Every structure is written in C-alpha cells, then in structure tokens.
C-alpha cells in the first residue's frame, strides 16, 4: 500500500484512483493549490472533471485530511493537513504563494487560551503583497 491509500483507509474513505491522485498531487506540492490547479495536474493522468475534484476535496476536508483556506484573492486553497498550521505570503499581482515556515503567533495564541479558556484548534495568517518578480515589472 502507498501513503495515499493508507490515508484514505484510515479516514474510512473509499480508495479511488482519483482521490489517490489528488492526494499525491497535494503531497508533492510545496504550496497550497486551488481546485483548478489540482484539476490541471490530475487531468493529465485520468479523465476527471472539476465537479469530481470538488467532491473529492470536500470529502477529504471533512475527514480532516486536507486544510482548506479562503485567501484574500477570493480563491480557496487546499493543502495536506500534517497537523501543523501554515502561514503564507501571497502576491496580489500573480497569486504566487510562499509558505512561511514559522508561526509568529504561538505565544499570542497561548496567551489567548489562558485569558479566555478557549482551546484554539487552528488559525490562519496570510500576508498579501507583491513578489520580487512582479515588483521588477512595476
């Protein structure tokens, strides 16, 4: 069995070639992807349409396998949920996404938990700006 097959079985999801391919694409991506990005990458290998991609992404998100984030650019991005939240830089011109490897909010999150009694399960932080390549064109 491969990693994708194990992930699907652990979540009690039917193992299909399309779901496994979607997981593989996301596993091999350095950045979060939109459903359209996923469709483009998977349609080269299997006959798949956007509604199938949406259904698979929804099932994987509901089971906690994927993280889903609505970005300031109005697009929804998906990434593998490796139980570590992620932050990102997004170029407002070309939509390039760069992951931020550290969390500047950990201390603040701990303080909020202590002050409010909440158990914080996740948060999102997105910086929007202009990437170096786009800045050169301005």
N, C-alpha and C. Protein backbone atom coordinates (compact mmCIF):
# COMPACT_ATOMS: atom_id res chain seq x y z
N UNK A 1 0.84 -1.19 0.00
CA UNK A 1 0.00 0.00 0.00
C UNK A 1 0.88 1.25 0.00
N UNK A 2 0.37 2.30 -0.63
CA UNK A 2 1.12 3.55 -0.61
C UNK A 2 0.53 4.49 0.42
N UNK A 3 1.17 5.62 0.60
CA UNK A 3 0.77 6.59 1.60
C UNK A 3 -0.66 7.08 1.39
N UNK A 4 -1.04 7.39 0.15
CA UNK A 4 -2.38 7.89 -0.14
C UNK A 4 -3.44 6.85 0.21
N UNK A 5 -3.17 5.61 -0.12
CA UNK A 5 -4.09 4.52 0.19
C UNK A 5 -4.29 4.40 1.71
N UNK A 6 -3.19 4.49 2.45
CA UNK A 6 -3.25 4.41 3.91
C UNK A 6 -4.06 5.57 4.49
N UNK A 7 -3.87 6.75 3.95
CA UNK A 7 -4.59 7.94 4.43
C UNK A 7 -6.09 7.76 4.23
N UNK A 8 -6.48 7.32 3.05
CA UNK A 8 -7.91 7.14 2.74
C UNK A 8 -8.52 6.06 3.62
N UNK A 9 -7.84 4.95 3.78
CA UNK A 9 -8.38 3.86 4.61
C UNK A 9 -8.51 4.27 6.07
N UNK A 10 -7.54 5.02 6.57
CA UNK A 10 -7.60 5.48 7.96
C UNK A 10 -8.79 6.41 8.19
N UNK A 11 -9.20 7.11 7.15
CA UNK A 11 -10.33 8.04 7.26
C UNK A 11 -11.65 7.38 6.88
N UNK A 12 -11.62 6.08 6.62
CA UNK A 12 -12.81 5.34 6.19
C UNK A 12 -13.41 5.90 4.91
N UNK A 13 -12.55 6.32 4.00
CA UNK A 13 -12.98 6.78 2.69
C UNK A 13 -12.65 5.72 1.65
N UNK A 14 -13.51 5.60 0.68
CA UNK A 14 -13.28 4.66 -0.41
C UNK A 14 -12.01 5.06 -1.15
N UNK A 15 -11.16 4.09 -1.40
CA UNK A 15 -9.93 4.34 -2.13
C UNK A 15 -10.22 4.30 -3.62
N UNK A 16 -10.13 5.48 -4.24
CA UNK A 16 -10.33 5.56 -5.69
C UNK A 16 -9.07 6.12 -6.32
N UNK A 17 -8.90 5.83 -7.58
CA UNK A 17 -7.72 6.31 -8.30
C UNK A 17 -7.68 7.84 -8.30
N UNK A 18 -8.83 8.47 -8.44
CA UNK A 18 -8.89 9.93 -8.50
C UNK A 18 -8.55 10.56 -7.15
N UNK A 19 -9.07 10.02 -6.07
CA UNK A 19 -8.74 10.55 -4.75
C UNK A 19 -7.26 10.36 -4.45
N UNK A 20 -6.75 9.18 -4.80
CA UNK A 20 -5.33 8.92 -4.56
C UNK A 20 -4.45 9.88 -5.37
N UNK A 21 -4.86 10.17 -6.60
CA UNK A 21 -4.10 11.09 -7.44
C UNK A 21 -4.15 12.51 -6.88
N UNK A 22 -5.32 12.93 -6.42
CA UNK A 22 -5.45 14.27 -5.82
C UNK A 22 -4.54 14.38 -4.59
N UNK A 23 -4.56 13.37 -3.75
CA UNK A 23 -3.68 13.38 -2.57
C UNK A 23 -2.21 13.40 -2.97
N UNK A 24 -1.86 12.64 -3.99
CA UNK A 24 -0.48 12.60 -4.46
C UNK A 24 -0.04 13.97 -4.96
N UNK A 25 -0.91 14.63 -5.73
CA UNK A 25 -0.59 15.97 -6.24
C UNK A 25 -0.36 16.93 -5.08
N UNK A 26 -1.24 16.90 -4.08
CA UNK A 26 -1.09 17.79 -2.93
C UNK A 26 0.13 17.42 -2.08
N UNK A 27 0.40 16.13 -1.93
CA UNK A 27 1.58 15.69 -1.19
C UNK A 27 2.87 16.17 -1.84
N UNK A 28 2.87 16.26 -3.16
CA UNK A 28 4.08 16.64 -3.89
C UNK A 28 4.18 18.13 -4.19
N UNK A 29 3.25 18.90 -3.67
CA UNK A 29 3.26 20.34 -3.91
C UNK A 29 3.90 21.07 -2.73
N UNK A 30 4.73 22.04 -3.04
CA UNK A 30 5.36 22.85 -2.00
C UNK A 30 4.43 23.95 -1.50
N UNK A 31 3.37 24.23 -2.26
CA UNK A 31 2.46 25.31 -1.90
C UNK A 31 1.02 24.81 -1.95
N UNK A 32 0.12 25.48 -1.28
CA UNK A 32 -1.30 25.13 -1.39
C UNK A 32 -1.78 25.30 -2.83
N UNK A 33 -2.78 24.51 -3.22
CA UNK A 33 -3.28 24.55 -4.60
C UNK A 33 -4.78 24.81 -4.61
N UNK A 34 -5.25 25.46 -5.67
CA UNK A 34 -6.69 25.64 -5.86
C UNK A 34 -7.25 24.39 -6.53
N UNK A 35 -8.57 24.28 -6.55
CA UNK A 35 -9.19 23.13 -7.22
C UNK A 35 -8.85 23.14 -8.71
N UNK A 36 -8.73 24.32 -9.29
CA UNK A 36 -8.36 24.41 -10.71
C UNK A 36 -6.93 23.93 -10.95
N UNK A 37 -6.02 24.27 -10.02
CA UNK A 37 -4.64 23.78 -10.12
C UNK A 37 -4.62 22.25 -10.06
N UNK A 38 -5.41 21.71 -9.13
CA UNK A 38 -5.47 20.26 -8.95
C UNK A 38 -6.05 19.60 -10.19
N UNK A 39 -7.10 20.19 -10.75
CA UNK A 39 -7.70 19.65 -11.98
C UNK A 39 -6.67 19.62 -13.11
N UNK A 40 -5.93 20.70 -13.25
CA UNK A 40 -4.92 20.77 -14.32
C UNK A 40 -3.87 19.67 -14.17
N UNK A 41 -3.43 19.44 -12.94
CA UNK A 41 -2.38 18.44 -12.71
C UNK A 41 -2.90 17.01 -12.80
N UNK A 42 -4.15 16.77 -12.39
CA UNK A 42 -4.67 15.40 -12.41
C UNK A 42 -5.25 15.00 -13.75
N UNK A 43 -5.77 15.95 -14.51
CA UNK A 43 -6.42 15.61 -15.78
C UNK A 43 -5.43 15.09 -16.83
N UNK A 44 -4.14 15.27 -16.57
CA UNK A 44 -3.12 14.74 -17.47
C UNK A 44 -3.01 13.22 -17.33
N UNK A 45 -3.44 12.71 -16.17
CA UNK A 45 -3.29 11.27 -15.89
C UNK A 45 -4.60 10.48 -15.90
N UNK A 46 -5.70 11.14 -15.55
CA UNK A 46 -7.00 10.46 -15.54
C UNK A 46 -8.06 11.38 -16.13
N UNK A 47 -9.15 10.78 -16.57
CA UNK A 47 -10.28 11.56 -17.06
C UNK A 47 -11.06 12.03 -15.82
N UNK A 48 -10.98 13.33 -15.55
CA UNK A 48 -11.59 13.89 -14.35
C UNK A 48 -12.15 15.27 -14.68
N UNK A 49 -13.26 15.62 -14.03
CA UNK A 49 -13.81 16.95 -14.25
C UNK A 49 -13.79 17.73 -12.93
N UNK A 50 -14.09 19.02 -13.03
CA UNK A 50 -13.99 19.89 -11.86
C UNK A 50 -14.97 19.49 -10.75
N UNK A 51 -16.16 19.04 -11.11
CA UNK A 51 -17.11 18.64 -10.06
C UNK A 51 -16.60 17.43 -9.27
N UNK A 52 -15.91 16.53 -9.93
CA UNK A 52 -15.32 15.38 -9.23
C UNK A 52 -14.21 15.84 -8.29
N UNK A 53 -13.41 16.79 -8.75
CA UNK A 53 -12.35 17.34 -7.91
C UNK A 53 -12.97 18.00 -6.68
N UNK A 54 -14.01 18.81 -6.88
CA UNK A 54 -14.69 19.46 -5.75
C UNK A 54 -15.23 18.43 -4.75
N UNK A 55 -15.88 17.40 -5.24
CA UNK A 55 -16.44 16.38 -4.34
C UNK A 55 -15.34 15.69 -3.54
N UNK A 56 -14.25 15.36 -4.21
CA UNK A 56 -13.13 14.70 -3.52
C UNK A 56 -12.51 15.65 -2.48
N UNK A 57 -12.32 16.90 -2.86
CA UNK A 57 -11.73 17.87 -1.93
C UNK A 57 -12.63 18.07 -0.71
N UNK A 58 -13.93 18.14 -0.93
CA UNK A 58 -14.86 18.29 0.20
C UNK A 58 -14.81 17.09 1.13
N UNK A 59 -14.80 15.88 0.57
CA UNK A 59 -14.73 14.67 1.39
C UNK A 59 -13.42 14.62 2.19
N UNK A 60 -12.32 14.96 1.54
CA UNK A 60 -11.01 14.94 2.20
C UNK A 60 -10.90 16.02 3.27
N UNK A 61 -11.53 17.15 3.03
CA UNK A 61 -11.52 18.24 4.01
C UNK A 61 -12.38 17.87 5.21
N UNK A 62 -13.57 17.31 4.96
CA UNK A 62 -14.47 16.92 6.04
C UNK A 62 -13.83 15.89 6.96
N UNK A 63 -13.00 15.03 6.42
CA UNK A 63 -12.32 13.99 7.21
C UNK A 63 -11.04 14.51 7.87
N UNK A 64 -10.70 15.80 7.64
CA UNK A 64 -9.52 16.38 8.27
C UNK A 64 -8.22 16.04 7.58
N UNK A 65 -8.29 15.47 6.39
CA UNK A 65 -7.08 15.10 5.65
C UNK A 65 -6.46 16.34 5.00
N UNK A 66 -7.32 17.26 4.57
CA UNK A 66 -6.87 18.49 3.93
C UNK A 66 -7.24 19.70 4.76
N UNK A 67 -6.45 20.75 4.60
CA UNK A 67 -6.79 22.06 5.14
C UNK A 67 -7.30 22.90 3.99
N UNK A 68 -8.36 23.65 4.25
CA UNK A 68 -8.99 24.49 3.24
C UNK A 68 -8.91 25.93 3.73
N UNK A 69 -8.42 26.81 2.86
CA UNK A 69 -8.29 28.20 3.27
C UNK A 69 -8.76 29.13 2.17
N UNK A 70 -9.67 30.03 2.54
CA UNK A 70 -10.12 31.07 1.61
C UNK A 70 -9.12 32.20 1.71
N UNK A 71 -8.53 32.55 0.58
CA UNK A 71 -7.49 33.56 0.55
C UNK A 71 -8.07 34.94 0.23
N UNK A 72 -7.28 35.97 0.47
CA UNK A 72 -7.70 37.33 0.16
C UNK A 72 -7.95 37.54 -1.33
N UNK A 73 -7.39 36.67 -2.17
CA UNK A 73 -7.61 36.81 -3.61
C UNK A 73 -8.95 36.20 -4.04
N UNK A 74 -9.73 35.70 -3.07
CA UNK A 74 -11.04 35.14 -3.36
C UNK A 74 -11.00 33.67 -3.75
N UNK A 75 -9.81 33.09 -3.83
CA UNK A 75 -9.68 31.69 -4.20
C UNK A 75 -9.57 30.83 -2.95
N UNK A 76 -9.97 29.57 -3.08
CA UNK A 76 -9.84 28.61 -1.99
C UNK A 76 -8.65 27.71 -2.28
N UNK A 77 -7.78 27.59 -1.31
CA UNK A 77 -6.57 26.78 -1.46
C UNK A 77 -6.64 25.57 -0.55
N UNK A 78 -6.07 24.47 -1.02
CA UNK A 78 -6.05 23.21 -0.28
C UNK A 78 -4.61 22.75 -0.08
N UNK A 79 -4.38 22.12 1.06
CA UNK A 79 -3.08 21.52 1.34
C UNK A 79 -3.26 20.35 2.30
N UNK A 80 -2.30 19.48 2.33
CA UNK A 80 -2.33 18.33 3.22
C UNK A 80 -2.28 18.83 4.67
N UNK A 81 -3.13 18.27 5.51
CA UNK A 81 -3.15 18.62 6.92
C UNK A 81 -2.15 17.73 7.65
N UNK A 82 -0.97 18.25 7.86
CA UNK A 82 0.03 17.46 8.59
C UNK A 82 0.05 17.86 10.07
N UNK A 83 -1.09 18.42 10.51
CA UNK A 83 -1.32 18.81 11.90
C UNK A 83 -0.48 20.01 12.31
N UNK A 84 0.18 20.65 11.37
CA UNK A 84 0.89 21.90 11.64
C UNK A 84 0.22 22.97 10.81
N UNK A 85 -0.27 24.00 11.47
CA UNK A 85 -0.90 25.06 10.70
C UNK A 85 0.15 25.78 9.86
N UNK A 86 -0.32 26.47 8.86
CA UNK A 86 0.61 27.10 7.93
C UNK A 86 0.22 28.55 7.72
N UNK A 87 1.22 29.35 7.46
CA UNK A 87 1.02 30.75 7.11
C UNK A 87 1.65 30.96 5.75
N UNK A 88 1.20 32.00 5.05
CA UNK A 88 1.70 32.18 3.70
C UNK A 88 1.79 33.64 3.30
N UNK A 89 2.65 33.87 2.31
CA UNK A 89 2.75 35.16 1.63
C UNK A 89 2.09 34.96 0.28
N UNK A 90 1.24 35.90 -0.14
CA UNK A 90 0.54 35.78 -1.42
C UNK A 90 0.78 37.05 -2.22
N UNK A 91 1.25 36.90 -3.44
CA UNK A 91 1.44 38.05 -4.31
C UNK A 91 0.08 38.50 -4.84
N UNK A 92 -0.23 39.78 -4.66
CA UNK A 92 -1.53 40.29 -5.10
C UNK A 92 -1.60 40.50 -6.61
N UNK A 93 -0.46 40.37 -7.30
CA UNK A 93 -0.47 40.54 -8.75
C UNK A 93 -0.52 39.21 -9.50
N UNK A 94 0.36 38.26 -9.13
CA UNK A 94 0.43 36.99 -9.87
C UNK A 94 -0.12 35.81 -9.08
N UNK A 95 -0.51 36.02 -7.84
CA UNK A 95 -1.06 34.98 -6.94
C UNK A 95 -0.04 33.94 -6.51
N UNK A 96 1.23 34.21 -6.69
CA UNK A 96 2.27 33.29 -6.21
C UNK A 96 2.13 33.16 -4.70
N UNK A 97 2.28 31.93 -4.19
CA UNK A 97 2.15 31.64 -2.77
C UNK A 97 3.48 31.12 -2.24
N UNK A 98 3.94 31.69 -1.14
CA UNK A 98 5.17 31.24 -0.48
C UNK A 98 4.80 30.91 0.96
N UNK A 99 5.11 29.71 1.38
CA UNK A 99 4.81 29.31 2.76
C UNK A 99 5.79 29.93 3.74
N UNK A 100 5.28 30.34 4.90
CA UNK A 100 6.09 30.87 5.99
C UNK A 100 6.35 29.71 6.93
N UNK A 101 7.62 29.42 7.21
CA UNK A 101 7.96 28.22 7.96
C UNK A 101 7.79 28.32 9.47
N UNK A 102 7.64 29.52 10.00
CA UNK A 102 7.48 29.64 11.45
C UNK A 102 6.13 30.28 11.76
N UNK A 103 5.73 30.18 12.99
CA UNK A 103 4.47 30.77 13.42
C UNK A 103 4.75 31.92 14.38
N UNK A 104 4.52 33.14 13.94
CA UNK A 104 4.77 34.28 14.82
C UNK A 104 3.66 34.46 15.87
N UNK A 105 2.65 33.62 15.84
CA UNK A 105 1.50 33.79 16.73
C UNK A 105 1.43 32.79 17.87
N UNK A 106 2.40 31.88 17.98
CA UNK A 106 2.32 30.84 19.02
C UNK A 106 2.17 31.42 20.43
N UNK A 107 3.02 32.38 20.76
CA UNK A 107 2.97 32.98 22.09
C UNK A 107 1.62 33.68 22.29
N UNK A 108 1.18 34.43 21.31
CA UNK A 108 -0.10 35.13 21.39
C UNK A 108 -1.25 34.14 21.53
N UNK A 109 -1.18 33.03 20.78
CA UNK A 109 -2.22 32.00 20.87
C UNK A 109 -2.28 31.42 22.28
N UNK A 110 -1.12 31.12 22.87
CA UNK A 110 -1.08 30.58 24.24
C UNK A 110 -1.66 31.58 25.24
N UNK A 111 -1.34 32.86 25.07
CA UNK A 111 -1.88 33.89 25.95
C UNK A 111 -3.40 33.97 25.83
N UNK A 112 -3.91 33.91 24.60
CA UNK A 112 -5.36 33.94 24.38
C UNK A 112 -6.05 32.76 25.06
N UNK A 113 -5.44 31.59 24.97
CA UNK A 113 -6.01 30.40 25.61
C UNK A 113 -6.10 30.60 27.12
N UNK A 114 -5.03 31.11 27.70
CA UNK A 114 -5.01 31.32 29.15
C UNK A 114 -6.02 32.38 29.57
N UNK A 115 -6.13 33.46 28.80
CA UNK A 115 -7.04 34.56 29.15
C UNK A 115 -8.51 34.20 28.97
N UNK A 116 -8.82 33.41 27.94
CA UNK A 116 -10.21 33.18 27.58
C UNK A 116 -10.74 31.81 27.95
N UNK A 117 -9.83 30.85 28.20
CA UNK A 117 -10.26 29.49 28.46
C UNK A 117 -10.56 28.70 27.20
N UNK A 118 -10.42 29.34 26.04
CA UNK A 118 -10.63 28.65 24.77
C UNK A 118 -9.51 27.64 24.52
N UNK A 119 -9.86 26.58 23.82
CA UNK A 119 -8.86 25.68 23.26
C UNK A 119 -8.82 26.02 21.78
N UNK A 120 -7.77 26.68 21.37
CA UNK A 120 -7.65 27.10 19.97
C UNK A 120 -7.17 25.91 19.16
N UNK A 121 -7.92 25.56 18.14
CA UNK A 121 -7.56 24.40 17.33
C UNK A 121 -6.86 24.78 16.03
N UNK A 122 -7.00 26.03 15.59
CA UNK A 122 -6.28 26.47 14.40
C UNK A 122 -6.44 27.97 14.24
N UNK A 123 -5.61 28.52 13.38
CA UNK A 123 -5.76 29.92 12.98
C UNK A 123 -5.14 30.08 11.60
N UNK A 124 -5.48 31.16 10.94
CA UNK A 124 -4.94 31.45 9.61
C UNK A 124 -4.28 32.81 9.63
N UNK A 125 -3.17 32.90 8.96
CA UNK A 125 -2.47 34.17 8.82
C UNK A 125 -1.97 34.24 7.39
N UNK A 126 -2.37 35.31 6.71
CA UNK A 126 -1.96 35.47 5.32
C UNK A 126 -1.46 36.88 5.13
N UNK A 127 -0.28 37.01 4.58
CA UNK A 127 0.28 38.29 4.22
C UNK A 127 0.08 38.47 2.73
N UNK A 128 -0.38 39.64 2.32
CA UNK A 128 -0.56 39.93 0.90
C UNK A 128 0.41 41.04 0.51
N UNK A 129 1.05 40.87 -0.61
CA UNK A 129 1.99 41.87 -1.08
C UNK A 129 2.35 41.62 -2.53
N UNK A 130 3.52 42.08 -2.91
CA UNK A 130 3.98 41.92 -4.29
C UNK A 130 5.30 41.16 -4.26
N UNK A 131 5.36 40.05 -5.02
CA UNK A 131 6.56 39.22 -5.04
C UNK A 131 7.68 39.95 -5.79
N UNK A 132 8.94 39.52 -5.60
CA UNK A 132 10.08 40.19 -6.25
C UNK A 132 9.97 40.24 -7.78
N UNK A 133 9.46 39.15 -8.38
CA UNK A 133 9.36 39.12 -9.85
C UNK A 133 8.37 40.17 -10.36
N UNK A 134 7.23 40.31 -9.68
CA UNK A 134 6.23 41.31 -10.08
C UNK A 134 6.73 42.72 -9.78
N UNK A 135 7.47 42.89 -8.68
CA UNK A 135 7.97 44.21 -8.31
C UNK A 135 8.94 44.73 -9.37
N UNK A 136 9.71 43.84 -9.99
CA UNK A 136 10.64 44.24 -11.06
C UNK A 136 9.91 44.78 -12.28
N UNK A 137 8.69 44.30 -12.50
CA UNK A 137 7.91 44.71 -13.66
C UNK A 137 7.21 46.05 -13.47
N UNK A 138 7.16 46.52 -12.22
CA UNK A 138 6.45 47.78 -11.93
C UNK A 138 7.28 48.99 -12.28
